[in-house]
Amino acid sequence: MMPTSTRVPHRVFGTSSSGNCHKVRMTLDILGVPYRWHEIDITKGETRTPEYLAMNPSGQVPLLQIDDHTWLPESNAIMCYLADGTHLWSGDRLQRARALQWMFFEQYSHEPCIAVARFIRTFLRQPDHPRLPELEKRGYQALDVMETHLSRAPFFAGEFSIADIALFAYTHKADEGGFELTAYPLVHAWLARCLAQPGTSEMPAPTA
């Protein structure tokens, strides 16, 4: 059902309006790695088919197909795999650990608040959802942490890296989750620095 071409090293199964998927797209684009994008509509159950579950039993996107028999799920794991040995993931032991530190922060303290609030407001269209006040509180706390760090450094792990890509994806669309970024000038400036990197792009708007 979903064969991979031997002429293209990688194939990505993802949803374009998902920040986790966009992180993978940007990593590939920044590195100039050829790939084929297979758009997945989770609302139509396309991650729950037997064929898809055979590739990724968790039934989630994104999913990187490396070859005919090898698939790698989880956005940050995919980014680490793609960036290994490149300028996006420093060879310095501590800087690599710093990148992982911020990627863990993104998945534990940032994405569960900012991305979920965005999903509720933009995809579910439920601006009065009871979870939103707590999500907004925690999301602003994550933004506070980012603002504090950016007062000391232009990026999150030395030079521009996969740590910045991980945090960029949902931060630059935080307004869609109801987050006001005017109080975060350093985050604003960092977003601009990220967008200035060749291959970085804004995430497409969700389709109606």
N, C-alpha and C. Protein backbone atom coordinates (compact mmCIF):
# COMPACT_ATOMS: atom_id res chain seq x y z
N MET A 1 0.82 -1.21 0.00
CA MET A 1 0.00 0.00 0.00
C MET A 1 0.85 1.25 0.00
N MET A 2 1.96 1.26 0.78
CA MET A 2 2.77 2.46 0.91
C MET A 2 4.23 2.12 0.66
N PRO A 3 4.57 1.77 -0.58
CA PRO A 3 5.95 1.40 -0.88
C PRO A 3 6.86 2.61 -0.87
N THR A 4 8.13 2.37 -0.66
CA THR A 4 9.11 3.45 -0.74
C THR A 4 9.92 3.32 -2.01
N SER A 5 10.30 4.43 -2.59
CA SER A 5 11.10 4.40 -3.81
C SER A 5 12.56 4.19 -3.45
N THR A 6 13.24 3.32 -4.19
CA THR A 6 14.65 3.08 -3.92
C THR A 6 15.48 4.29 -4.29
N ARG A 7 14.93 5.23 -5.07
CA ARG A 7 15.67 6.42 -5.47
C ARG A 7 15.58 7.53 -4.43
N VAL A 8 14.70 7.41 -3.46
CA VAL A 8 14.52 8.42 -2.43
C VAL A 8 14.84 7.79 -1.08
N PRO A 9 15.85 8.30 -0.36
CA PRO A 9 16.27 7.64 0.89
C PRO A 9 15.19 7.58 1.96
N HIS A 10 14.39 8.63 2.06
CA HIS A 10 13.44 8.69 3.16
C HIS A 10 12.04 9.04 2.65
N ARG A 11 11.08 8.54 3.40
CA ARG A 11 9.69 8.93 3.17
C ARG A 11 9.09 9.30 4.52
N VAL A 12 8.32 10.37 4.54
CA VAL A 12 7.73 10.85 5.78
C VAL A 12 6.22 10.75 5.69
N PHE A 13 5.63 10.13 6.68
CA PHE A 13 4.19 10.09 6.82
C PHE A 13 3.84 11.13 7.88
N GLY A 14 3.11 12.16 7.49
CA GLY A 14 2.84 13.22 8.44
C GLY A 14 1.64 14.07 8.06
N THR A 15 1.25 14.93 8.97
CA THR A 15 0.17 15.89 8.77
C THR A 15 0.80 17.28 8.76
N SER A 16 0.64 18.00 7.66
CA SER A 16 1.39 19.25 7.46
C SER A 16 1.11 20.29 8.54
N SER A 17 -0.10 20.31 9.07
CA SER A 17 -0.46 21.33 10.07
C SER A 17 -0.12 20.90 11.49
N SER A 18 0.57 19.78 11.64
CA SER A 18 1.04 19.32 12.96
C SER A 18 2.44 19.84 13.21
N GLY A 19 2.65 20.46 14.36
CA GLY A 19 3.98 20.94 14.70
C GLY A 19 4.99 19.82 14.80
N ASN A 20 4.61 18.69 15.36
CA ASN A 20 5.55 17.58 15.47
C ASN A 20 5.98 17.08 14.10
N CYS A 21 5.09 17.11 13.14
CA CYS A 21 5.44 16.71 11.78
C CYS A 21 6.26 17.80 11.10
N HIS A 22 5.92 19.05 11.37
CA HIS A 22 6.64 20.15 10.74
C HIS A 22 8.09 20.19 11.18
N LYS A 23 8.37 19.79 12.42
CA LYS A 23 9.74 19.72 12.90
C LYS A 23 10.58 18.80 12.01
N VAL A 24 10.01 17.67 11.66
CA VAL A 24 10.73 16.70 10.83
C VAL A 24 10.93 17.27 9.43
N ARG A 25 9.88 17.89 8.87
CA ARG A 25 10.00 18.48 7.54
C ARG A 25 11.12 19.53 7.51
N MET A 26 11.15 20.39 8.53
CA MET A 26 12.17 21.44 8.55
C MET A 26 13.57 20.85 8.69
N THR A 27 13.73 19.83 9.51
CA THR A 27 15.04 19.22 9.66
C THR A 27 15.55 18.69 8.32
N LEU A 28 14.68 18.02 7.59
CA LEU A 28 15.05 17.50 6.28
C LEU A 28 15.37 18.64 5.31
N ASP A 29 14.54 19.69 5.33
CA ASP A 29 14.75 20.81 4.41
C ASP A 29 16.04 21.57 4.73
N ILE A 30 16.30 21.80 6.00
CA ILE A 30 17.51 22.52 6.40
C ILE A 30 18.75 21.73 6.01
N LEU A 31 18.69 20.43 6.16
CA LEU A 31 19.84 19.58 5.83
C LEU A 31 19.94 19.27 4.34
N GLY A 32 18.89 19.59 3.59
CA GLY A 32 18.90 19.30 2.16
C GLY A 32 18.81 17.82 1.85
N VAL A 33 18.15 17.08 2.73
CA VAL A 33 18.00 15.63 2.54
C VAL A 33 16.77 15.37 1.67
N PRO A 34 16.91 14.63 0.58
CA PRO A 34 15.73 14.34 -0.25
C PRO A 34 14.76 13.41 0.47
N TYR A 35 13.48 13.65 0.26
CA TYR A 35 12.46 12.83 0.89
C TYR A 35 11.16 12.96 0.12
N ARG A 36 10.25 12.04 0.40
CA ARG A 36 8.89 12.12 -0.13
C ARG A 36 7.95 12.27 1.05
N TRP A 37 7.01 13.19 0.91
CA TRP A 37 6.05 13.46 1.97
C TRP A 37 4.74 12.77 1.64
N HIS A 38 4.25 11.97 2.58
CA HIS A 38 2.96 11.31 2.40
C HIS A 38 1.99 11.92 3.40
N GLU A 39 1.05 12.72 2.92
CA GLU A 39 0.13 13.42 3.81
C GLU A 39 -0.87 12.44 4.42
N ILE A 40 -1.00 12.52 5.74
CA ILE A 40 -1.87 11.64 6.50
C ILE A 40 -3.00 12.45 7.13
N ASP A 41 -4.22 11.99 6.95
CA ASP A 41 -5.38 12.64 7.57
C ASP A 41 -5.83 11.77 8.75
N ILE A 42 -5.47 12.21 9.95
CA ILE A 42 -5.82 11.39 11.11
C ILE A 42 -7.32 11.39 11.37
N THR A 43 -8.02 12.43 10.90
CA THR A 43 -9.47 12.48 11.11
C THR A 43 -10.21 11.42 10.31
N LYS A 44 -9.55 10.88 9.30
CA LYS A 44 -10.14 9.82 8.48
C LYS A 44 -9.64 8.44 8.87
N GLY A 45 -8.94 8.37 9.99
CA GLY A 45 -8.46 7.08 10.47
C GLY A 45 -7.29 6.51 9.70
N GLU A 46 -6.54 7.35 9.00
CA GLU A 46 -5.47 6.85 8.16
C GLU A 46 -4.27 6.33 8.95
N THR A 47 -4.21 6.64 10.25
CA THR A 47 -3.14 6.06 11.07
C THR A 47 -3.59 4.79 11.79
N ARG A 48 -4.83 4.38 11.55
CA ARG A 48 -5.36 3.20 12.25
C ARG A 48 -5.57 2.02 11.31
N THR A 49 -5.13 2.14 10.07
CA THR A 49 -5.28 1.04 9.14
C THR A 49 -4.28 -0.06 9.48
N PRO A 50 -4.56 -1.31 9.10
CA PRO A 50 -3.59 -2.39 9.37
C PRO A 50 -2.23 -2.10 8.75
N GLU A 51 -2.23 -1.49 7.55
CA GLU A 51 -0.97 -1.21 6.88
C GLU A 51 -0.14 -0.19 7.67
N TYR A 52 -0.81 0.84 8.17
CA TYR A 52 -0.06 1.86 8.91
C TYR A 52 0.39 1.32 10.27
N LEU A 53 -0.48 0.59 10.95
CA LEU A 53 -0.13 0.05 12.26
C LEU A 53 1.01 -0.97 12.16
N ALA A 54 1.16 -1.59 11.00
CA ALA A 54 2.28 -2.51 10.81
C ALA A 54 3.60 -1.74 10.80
N MET A 55 3.55 -0.48 10.36
CA MET A 55 4.75 0.36 10.36
C MET A 55 4.97 1.03 11.70
N ASN A 56 3.87 1.49 12.31
CA ASN A 56 3.96 2.19 13.60
C ASN A 56 2.79 1.76 14.48
N PRO A 57 3.00 0.80 15.36
CA PRO A 57 1.91 0.28 16.18
C PRO A 57 1.23 1.33 17.06
N SER A 58 1.90 2.44 17.34
CA SER A 58 1.26 3.48 18.15
C SER A 58 0.23 4.27 17.36
N GLY A 59 0.24 4.13 16.03
CA GLY A 59 -0.76 4.81 15.21
C GLY A 59 -0.66 6.32 15.26
N GLN A 60 0.57 6.85 15.23
CA GLN A 60 0.77 8.29 15.32
C GLN A 60 1.63 8.79 14.17
N VAL A 61 1.59 10.09 13.97
CA VAL A 61 2.50 10.77 13.05
C VAL A 61 3.34 11.75 13.87
N PRO A 62 4.54 12.05 13.39
CA PRO A 62 5.16 11.64 12.13
C PRO A 62 5.80 10.26 12.22
N LEU A 63 6.09 9.74 11.04
CA LEU A 63 6.78 8.46 10.93
C LEU A 63 7.77 8.57 9.78
N LEU A 64 9.01 8.23 10.05
CA LEU A 64 10.05 8.25 9.01
C LEU A 64 10.29 6.84 8.51
N GLN A 65 10.15 6.64 7.20
CA GLN A 65 10.51 5.36 6.60
C GLN A 65 11.92 5.48 6.05
N ILE A 66 12.83 4.70 6.64
CA ILE A 66 14.24 4.78 6.28
C ILE A 66 14.56 3.88 5.10
N ASP A 67 14.00 2.68 5.10
CA ASP A 67 14.13 1.78 3.96
C ASP A 67 12.91 0.88 3.94
N ASP A 68 12.93 -0.14 3.11
CA ASP A 68 11.75 -0.99 2.94
C ASP A 68 11.34 -1.72 4.22
N HIS A 69 12.25 -1.81 5.17
CA HIS A 69 11.96 -2.61 6.37
C HIS A 69 12.18 -1.84 7.67
N THR A 70 12.46 -0.54 7.59
CA THR A 70 12.82 0.22 8.78
C THR A 70 12.02 1.50 8.88
N TRP A 71 11.31 1.65 10.02
CA TRP A 71 10.51 2.84 10.26
C TRP A 71 10.90 3.40 11.63
N LEU A 72 10.88 4.72 11.73
CA LEU A 72 11.22 5.38 13.00
C LEU A 72 10.13 6.38 13.35
N PRO A 73 9.40 6.17 14.47
CA PRO A 73 8.40 7.14 14.92
C PRO A 73 9.01 8.12 15.92
N GLU A 74 8.18 9.03 16.41
CA GLU A 74 8.51 10.04 17.42
C GLU A 74 9.37 11.15 16.81
N SER A 75 8.79 12.35 16.77
CA SER A 75 9.42 13.46 16.06
C SER A 75 10.84 13.76 16.53
N ASN A 76 11.06 13.83 17.83
CA ASN A 76 12.39 14.20 18.31
C ASN A 76 13.42 13.10 18.07
N ALA A 77 12.98 11.85 18.12
CA ALA A 77 13.89 10.75 17.79
C ALA A 77 14.27 10.82 16.31
N ILE A 78 13.30 11.13 15.47
CA ILE A 78 13.58 11.27 14.04
C ILE A 78 14.58 12.40 13.80
N MET A 79 14.39 13.52 14.49
CA MET A 79 15.29 14.65 14.31
C MET A 79 16.71 14.30 14.73
N CYS A 80 16.86 13.59 15.84
CA CYS A 80 18.19 13.17 16.29
C CYS A 80 18.85 12.25 15.26
N TYR A 81 18.07 11.34 14.72
CA TYR A 81 18.59 10.42 13.71
C TYR A 81 19.06 11.18 12.48
N LEU A 82 18.24 12.11 12.00
CA LEU A 82 18.58 12.85 10.79
C LEU A 82 19.76 13.80 11.00
N ALA A 83 19.83 14.40 12.19
CA ALA A 83 20.84 15.43 12.44
C ALA A 83 22.18 14.87 12.90
N ASP A 84 22.24 13.58 13.19
CA ASP A 84 23.48 13.00 13.70
C ASP A 84 24.62 13.25 12.71
N GLY A 85 25.71 13.82 13.22
CA GLY A 85 26.87 14.09 12.38
C GLY A 85 26.78 15.35 11.55
N THR A 86 25.74 16.17 11.78
CA THR A 86 25.57 17.41 11.02
C THR A 86 25.71 18.62 11.95
N HIS A 87 25.65 19.81 11.36
CA HIS A 87 25.77 21.04 12.14
C HIS A 87 24.56 21.28 13.04
N LEU A 88 23.47 20.54 12.82
CA LEU A 88 22.27 20.73 13.63
C LEU A 88 22.36 20.03 14.99
N TRP A 89 23.35 19.17 15.15
CA TRP A 89 23.54 18.52 16.45
C TRP A 89 25.03 18.43 16.72
N SER A 90 25.51 19.32 17.53
CA SER A 90 26.93 19.51 17.78
C SER A 90 27.62 18.20 18.17
N GLY A 91 28.89 18.11 17.78
CA GLY A 91 29.68 16.97 18.20
C GLY A 91 30.16 17.08 19.64
N ASP A 92 30.00 18.27 20.23
CA ASP A 92 30.38 18.47 21.62
C ASP A 92 29.41 17.75 22.54
N ARG A 93 29.95 16.99 23.45
CA ARG A 93 29.12 16.14 24.31
C ARG A 93 28.11 16.94 25.11
N LEU A 94 28.56 18.06 25.72
CA LEU A 94 27.66 18.86 26.54
C LEU A 94 26.60 19.55 25.69
N GLN A 95 26.99 20.07 24.53
CA GLN A 95 26.01 20.76 23.68
C GLN A 95 24.95 19.78 23.17
N ARG A 96 25.35 18.56 22.89
CA ARG A 96 24.35 17.55 22.49
C ARG A 96 23.38 17.29 23.64
N ALA A 97 23.92 17.21 24.86
CA ALA A 97 23.05 17.01 26.02
C ALA A 97 22.15 18.23 26.23
N ARG A 98 22.67 19.44 25.99
CA ARG A 98 21.83 20.63 26.10
C ARG A 98 20.68 20.60 25.08
N ALA A 99 20.99 20.16 23.87
CA ALA A 99 19.93 20.04 22.87
C ALA A 99 18.84 19.08 23.34
N LEU A 100 19.27 17.94 23.88
CA LEU A 100 18.30 16.97 24.39
C LEU A 100 17.52 17.55 25.57
N GLN A 101 18.20 18.31 26.41
CA GLN A 101 17.53 18.95 27.54
C GLN A 101 16.33 19.77 27.08
N TRP A 102 16.54 20.59 26.04
CA TRP A 102 15.46 21.46 25.56
C TRP A 102 14.42 20.68 24.75
N MET A 103 14.83 19.60 24.13
CA MET A 103 13.87 18.77 23.41
C MET A 103 12.97 18.02 24.39
N PHE A 104 13.54 17.60 25.52
CA PHE A 104 12.70 17.01 26.57
C PHE A 104 11.75 18.05 27.15
N PHE A 105 12.27 19.26 27.37
CA PHE A 105 11.43 20.36 27.85
C PHE A 105 10.28 20.61 26.87
N GLU A 106 10.60 20.60 25.59
CA GLU A 106 9.56 20.85 24.58
C GLU A 106 8.45 19.81 24.66
N GLN A 107 8.80 18.56 24.82
CA GLN A 107 7.80 17.50 24.83
C GLN A 107 7.07 17.38 26.17
N TYR A 108 7.70 17.80 27.26
CA TYR A 108 7.09 17.63 28.57
C TYR A 108 6.39 18.90 29.08
N SER A 109 7.01 20.07 28.86
CA SER A 109 6.49 21.30 29.45
C SER A 109 5.90 22.28 28.45
N HIS A 110 6.23 22.13 27.19
CA HIS A 110 5.84 23.10 26.17
C HIS A 110 4.72 22.57 25.28
N GLU A 111 5.01 21.51 24.56
CA GLU A 111 4.04 20.95 23.60
C GLU A 111 2.72 20.51 24.24
N PRO A 112 2.73 19.87 25.43
CA PRO A 112 1.46 19.44 26.01
C PRO A 112 0.52 20.58 26.37
N CYS A 113 1.05 21.79 26.44
CA CYS A 113 0.21 22.95 26.77
C CYS A 113 -0.11 23.78 25.52
N ILE A 114 0.92 24.24 24.85
CA ILE A 114 0.73 25.14 23.71
C ILE A 114 0.11 24.40 22.53
N ALA A 115 0.58 23.20 22.24
CA ALA A 115 0.03 22.45 21.12
C ALA A 115 -1.40 21.98 21.40
N VAL A 116 -1.66 21.55 22.62
CA VAL A 116 -3.01 21.08 22.95
C VAL A 116 -4.00 22.23 22.94
N ALA A 117 -3.60 23.39 23.46
CA ALA A 117 -4.48 24.55 23.40
C ALA A 117 -4.77 24.94 21.96
N ARG A 118 -3.76 24.87 21.11
CA ARG A 118 -3.96 25.14 19.69
C ARG A 118 -4.93 24.14 19.07
N PHE A 119 -4.78 22.88 19.41
CA PHE A 119 -5.66 21.85 18.87
C PHE A 119 -7.12 22.12 19.29
N ILE A 120 -7.32 22.46 20.55
CA ILE A 120 -8.68 22.71 21.04
C ILE A 120 -9.30 23.91 20.35
N ARG A 121 -8.52 24.98 20.21
CA ARG A 121 -9.08 26.21 19.62
C ARG A 121 -9.21 26.13 18.10
N THR A 122 -8.20 25.57 17.45
CA THR A 122 -8.14 25.63 15.99
C THR A 122 -8.79 24.43 15.32
N PHE A 123 -8.60 23.25 15.88
CA PHE A 123 -9.13 22.05 15.25
C PHE A 123 -10.52 21.69 15.81
N LEU A 124 -10.65 21.71 17.14
CA LEU A 124 -11.95 21.39 17.74
C LEU A 124 -12.89 22.59 17.75
N ARG A 125 -12.33 23.79 17.65
CA ARG A 125 -13.10 25.04 17.65
C ARG A 125 -13.97 25.14 18.90
N GLN A 126 -13.30 24.94 20.05
CA GLN A 126 -13.99 25.00 21.34
C GLN A 126 -13.31 26.02 22.24
N PRO A 127 -13.54 27.33 21.99
CA PRO A 127 -12.85 28.38 22.77
C PRO A 127 -13.23 28.41 24.25
N ASP A 128 -14.30 27.73 24.62
CA ASP A 128 -14.72 27.70 26.02
C ASP A 128 -14.41 26.37 26.70
N HIS A 129 -13.54 25.60 26.10
CA HIS A 129 -13.20 24.29 26.65
C HIS A 129 -12.65 24.45 28.07
N PRO A 130 -13.07 23.60 29.01
CA PRO A 130 -12.67 23.76 30.41
C PRO A 130 -11.18 23.56 30.67
N ARG A 131 -10.47 22.91 29.75
CA ARG A 131 -9.04 22.67 29.97
C ARG A 131 -8.20 23.90 29.63
N LEU A 132 -8.75 24.84 28.88
CA LEU A 132 -7.93 25.93 28.36
C LEU A 132 -7.27 26.80 29.43
N PRO A 133 -7.96 27.20 30.51
CA PRO A 133 -7.28 28.05 31.50
C PRO A 133 -6.01 27.42 32.06
N GLU A 134 -6.04 26.14 32.40
CA GLU A 134 -4.85 25.49 32.94
C GLU A 134 -3.78 25.33 31.86
N LEU A 135 -4.19 25.01 30.64
CA LEU A 135 -3.22 24.89 29.55
C LEU A 135 -2.53 26.22 29.30
N GLU A 136 -3.31 27.31 29.34
CA GLU A 136 -2.72 28.63 29.12
C GLU A 136 -1.75 28.99 30.25
N LYS A 137 -2.11 28.68 31.46
CA LYS A 137 -1.21 28.97 32.60
C LYS A 137 0.12 28.25 32.42
N ARG A 138 0.07 26.98 32.12
CA ARG A 138 1.29 26.19 31.97
C ARG A 138 2.05 26.58 30.70
N GLY A 139 1.32 26.94 29.65
CA GLY A 139 1.97 27.38 28.42
C GLY A 139 2.76 28.66 28.62
N TYR A 140 2.18 29.60 29.36
CA TYR A 140 2.89 30.84 29.64
C TYR A 140 4.11 30.59 30.53
N GLN A 141 4.00 29.61 31.42
CA GLN A 141 5.16 29.26 32.23
C GLN A 141 6.31 28.75 31.35
N ALA A 142 5.97 27.96 30.34
CA ALA A 142 6.99 27.47 29.41
C ALA A 142 7.60 28.62 28.62
N LEU A 143 6.78 29.55 28.19
CA LEU A 143 7.29 30.72 27.47
C LEU A 143 8.18 31.57 28.36
N ASP A 144 7.84 31.67 29.65
CA ASP A 144 8.69 32.39 30.59
C ASP A 144 10.08 31.77 30.67
N VAL A 145 10.13 30.45 30.72
CA VAL A 145 11.42 29.75 30.77
C VAL A 145 12.23 30.05 29.51
N MET A 146 11.57 30.03 28.36
CA MET A 146 12.26 30.32 27.11
C MET A 146 12.78 31.75 27.09
N GLU A 147 11.96 32.71 27.52
CA GLU A 147 12.37 34.11 27.53
C GLU A 147 13.59 34.31 28.43
N THR A 148 13.57 33.67 29.57
CA THR A 148 14.71 33.79 30.49
C THR A 148 15.99 33.25 29.86
N HIS A 149 15.90 32.09 29.24
CA HIS A 149 17.08 31.52 28.59
C HIS A 149 17.59 32.43 27.48
N LEU A 150 16.69 32.98 26.69
CA LEU A 150 17.09 33.80 25.55
C LEU A 150 17.67 35.15 25.96
N SER A 151 17.56 35.49 27.22
CA SER A 151 18.24 36.69 27.72
C SER A 151 19.74 36.45 27.86
N ARG A 152 20.15 35.19 27.77
CA ARG A 152 21.55 34.83 27.95
C ARG A 152 22.20 34.27 26.69
N ALA A 153 21.40 33.84 25.72
CA ALA A 153 21.95 33.20 24.53
C ALA A 153 20.98 33.37 23.36
N PRO A 154 21.49 33.42 22.13
CA PRO A 154 20.60 33.61 20.97
C PRO A 154 19.83 32.36 20.58
N PHE A 155 20.35 31.19 20.91
CA PHE A 155 19.70 29.93 20.59
C PHE A 155 19.69 29.05 21.84
N PHE A 156 19.17 27.84 21.73
CA PHE A 156 18.95 27.03 22.93
C PHE A 156 20.05 26.02 23.25
N ALA A 157 20.92 25.74 22.31
CA ALA A 157 22.01 24.79 22.60
C ALA A 157 23.22 25.16 21.78
N GLY A 158 23.79 26.32 22.08
CA GLY A 158 24.92 26.80 21.30
C GLY A 158 24.44 27.46 20.03
N GLU A 159 24.88 26.97 18.88
CA GLU A 159 24.40 27.48 17.59
C GLU A 159 23.01 26.90 17.30
N PHE A 160 22.38 27.43 16.25
CA PHE A 160 21.08 26.93 15.82
C PHE A 160 21.13 25.41 15.66
N SER A 161 20.15 24.72 16.26
CA SER A 161 20.21 23.26 16.31
C SER A 161 18.81 22.66 16.29
N ILE A 162 18.77 21.34 16.40
CA ILE A 162 17.48 20.67 16.45
C ILE A 162 16.67 21.08 17.68
N ALA A 163 17.34 21.58 18.73
CA ALA A 163 16.60 22.08 19.89
C ALA A 163 15.74 23.27 19.49
N ASP A 164 16.30 24.16 18.66
CA ASP A 164 15.54 25.32 18.20
C ASP A 164 14.41 24.90 17.26
N ILE A 165 14.68 23.95 16.39
CA ILE A 165 13.64 23.47 15.48
C ILE A 165 12.48 22.88 16.28
N ALA A 166 12.82 22.09 17.31
CA ALA A 166 11.78 21.46 18.13
C ALA A 166 10.88 22.50 18.77
N LEU A 167 11.47 23.56 19.31
CA LEU A 167 10.70 24.58 20.01
C LEU A 167 10.02 25.56 19.04
N PHE A 168 10.61 25.76 17.88
CA PHE A 168 10.06 26.70 16.91
C PHE A 168 8.67 26.29 16.44
N ALA A 169 8.48 25.00 16.17
CA ALA A 169 7.29 24.54 15.46
C ALA A 169 5.98 25.02 16.09
N TYR A 170 5.81 24.78 17.37
CA TYR A 170 4.56 25.21 18.01
C TYR A 170 4.62 26.63 18.55
N THR A 171 5.84 27.13 18.86
CA THR A 171 5.93 28.50 19.39
C THR A 171 5.49 29.52 18.35
N HIS A 172 5.88 29.32 17.09
CA HIS A 172 5.55 30.34 16.09
C HIS A 172 4.06 30.32 15.71
N LYS A 173 3.33 29.32 16.20
CA LYS A 173 1.88 29.27 16.01
C LYS A 173 1.15 29.34 17.35
N ALA A 174 1.83 29.83 18.38
CA ALA A 174 1.23 29.87 19.72
C ALA A 174 -0.02 30.73 19.76
N ASP A 175 -0.09 31.76 18.88
CA ASP A 175 -1.28 32.61 18.88
C ASP A 175 -2.53 31.83 18.52
N GLU A 176 -2.37 30.76 17.74
CA GLU A 176 -3.52 29.93 17.37
C GLU A 176 -4.05 29.16 18.58
N GLY A 177 -3.25 29.07 19.63
CA GLY A 177 -3.69 28.44 20.87
C GLY A 177 -4.16 29.44 21.90
N GLY A 178 -4.17 30.73 21.50
CA GLY A 178 -4.63 31.77 22.41
C GLY A 178 -3.53 32.44 23.21
N PHE A 179 -2.28 32.19 22.85
CA PHE A 179 -1.16 32.77 23.59
C PHE A 179 -0.71 34.07 22.94
N GLU A 180 -0.59 35.09 23.77
CA GLU A 180 -0.16 36.40 23.31
C GLU A 180 1.34 36.54 23.53
N LEU A 181 2.09 36.75 22.44
CA LEU A 181 3.55 36.76 22.54
C LEU A 181 4.14 38.15 22.65
N THR A 182 3.33 39.20 22.71
CA THR A 182 3.87 40.55 22.77
C THR A 182 4.71 40.78 24.02
N ALA A 183 4.43 40.04 25.08
CA ALA A 183 5.20 40.19 26.32
C ALA A 183 6.51 39.40 26.28
N TYR A 184 6.83 38.80 25.15
CA TYR A 184 8.02 37.97 25.01
C TYR A 184 8.87 38.46 23.84
N PRO A 185 9.50 39.62 23.98
CA PRO A 185 10.28 40.17 22.86
C PRO A 185 11.47 39.31 22.48
N LEU A 186 12.07 38.63 23.44
CA LEU A 186 13.22 37.79 23.12
C LEU A 186 12.80 36.53 22.36
N VAL A 187 11.63 36.01 22.70
CA VAL A 187 11.09 34.88 21.94
C VAL A 187 10.77 35.33 20.51
N HIS A 188 10.20 36.53 20.38
CA HIS A 188 9.92 37.08 19.05
C HIS A 188 11.19 37.17 18.22
N ALA A 189 12.24 37.72 18.81
CA ALA A 189 13.50 37.88 18.10
C ALA A 189 14.10 36.53 17.73
N TRP A 190 13.99 35.57 18.64
CA TRP A 190 14.50 34.22 18.35
C TRP A 190 13.73 33.58 17.20
N LEU A 191 12.41 33.74 17.17
CA LEU A 191 11.63 33.21 16.06
C LEU A 191 12.12 33.78 14.74
N ALA A 192 12.42 35.08 14.72
CA ALA A 192 12.93 35.71 13.50
C ALA A 192 14.29 35.13 13.11
N ARG A 193 15.15 34.88 14.10
CA ARG A 193 16.45 34.27 13.80
C ARG A 193 16.27 32.87 13.23
N CYS A 194 15.33 32.13 13.77
CA CYS A 194 15.06 30.78 13.23
C CYS A 194 14.58 30.86 11.79
N LEU A 195 13.65 31.77 11.52
CA LEU A 195 13.11 31.89 10.16
C LEU A 195 14.17 32.34 9.16
N ALA A 196 15.22 32.98 9.65
CA ALA A 196 16.30 33.42 8.76
C ALA A 196 17.21 32.27 8.35
N GLN A 197 17.08 31.13 9.01
CA GLN A 197 17.90 29.97 8.67
C GLN A 197 17.38 29.34 7.38
N PRO A 198 18.23 29.11 6.39
CA PRO A 198 17.77 28.48 5.14
C PRO A 198 17.10 27.13 5.40
N GLY A 199 15.92 26.96 4.85
CA GLY A 199 15.17 25.72 5.03
C GLY A 199 14.10 25.78 6.08
N THR A 200 14.18 26.80 6.98
CA THR A 200 13.14 26.96 7.99
C THR A 200 11.89 27.54 7.33
N SER A 201 10.73 27.09 7.75
CA SER A 201 9.49 27.55 7.13
C SER A 201 8.38 27.61 8.16
N GLU A 202 7.37 28.39 7.86
CA GLU A 202 6.21 28.45 8.71
C GLU A 202 5.31 27.24 8.45
N MET A 203 4.65 26.80 9.47
CA MET A 203 3.76 25.65 9.37
C MET A 203 2.48 26.02 8.63
N PRO A 204 2.02 25.22 7.70
CA PRO A 204 0.79 25.53 6.99
C PRO A 204 -0.40 25.58 7.94
N ALA A 205 -1.37 26.41 7.59
CA ALA A 205 -2.59 26.49 8.38
C ALA A 205 -3.38 25.21 8.23
N PRO A 206 -4.10 24.80 9.28
CA PRO A 206 -4.93 23.59 9.17
C PRO A 206 -6.03 23.79 8.13
N THR A 207 -6.31 22.72 7.42
CA THR A 207 -7.39 22.79 6.44
C THR A 207 -8.73 22.72 7.14
N ALA A 208 -9.72 23.31 6.52
CA ALA A 208 -11.06 23.36 7.13
C ALA A 208 -11.67 21.97 7.15
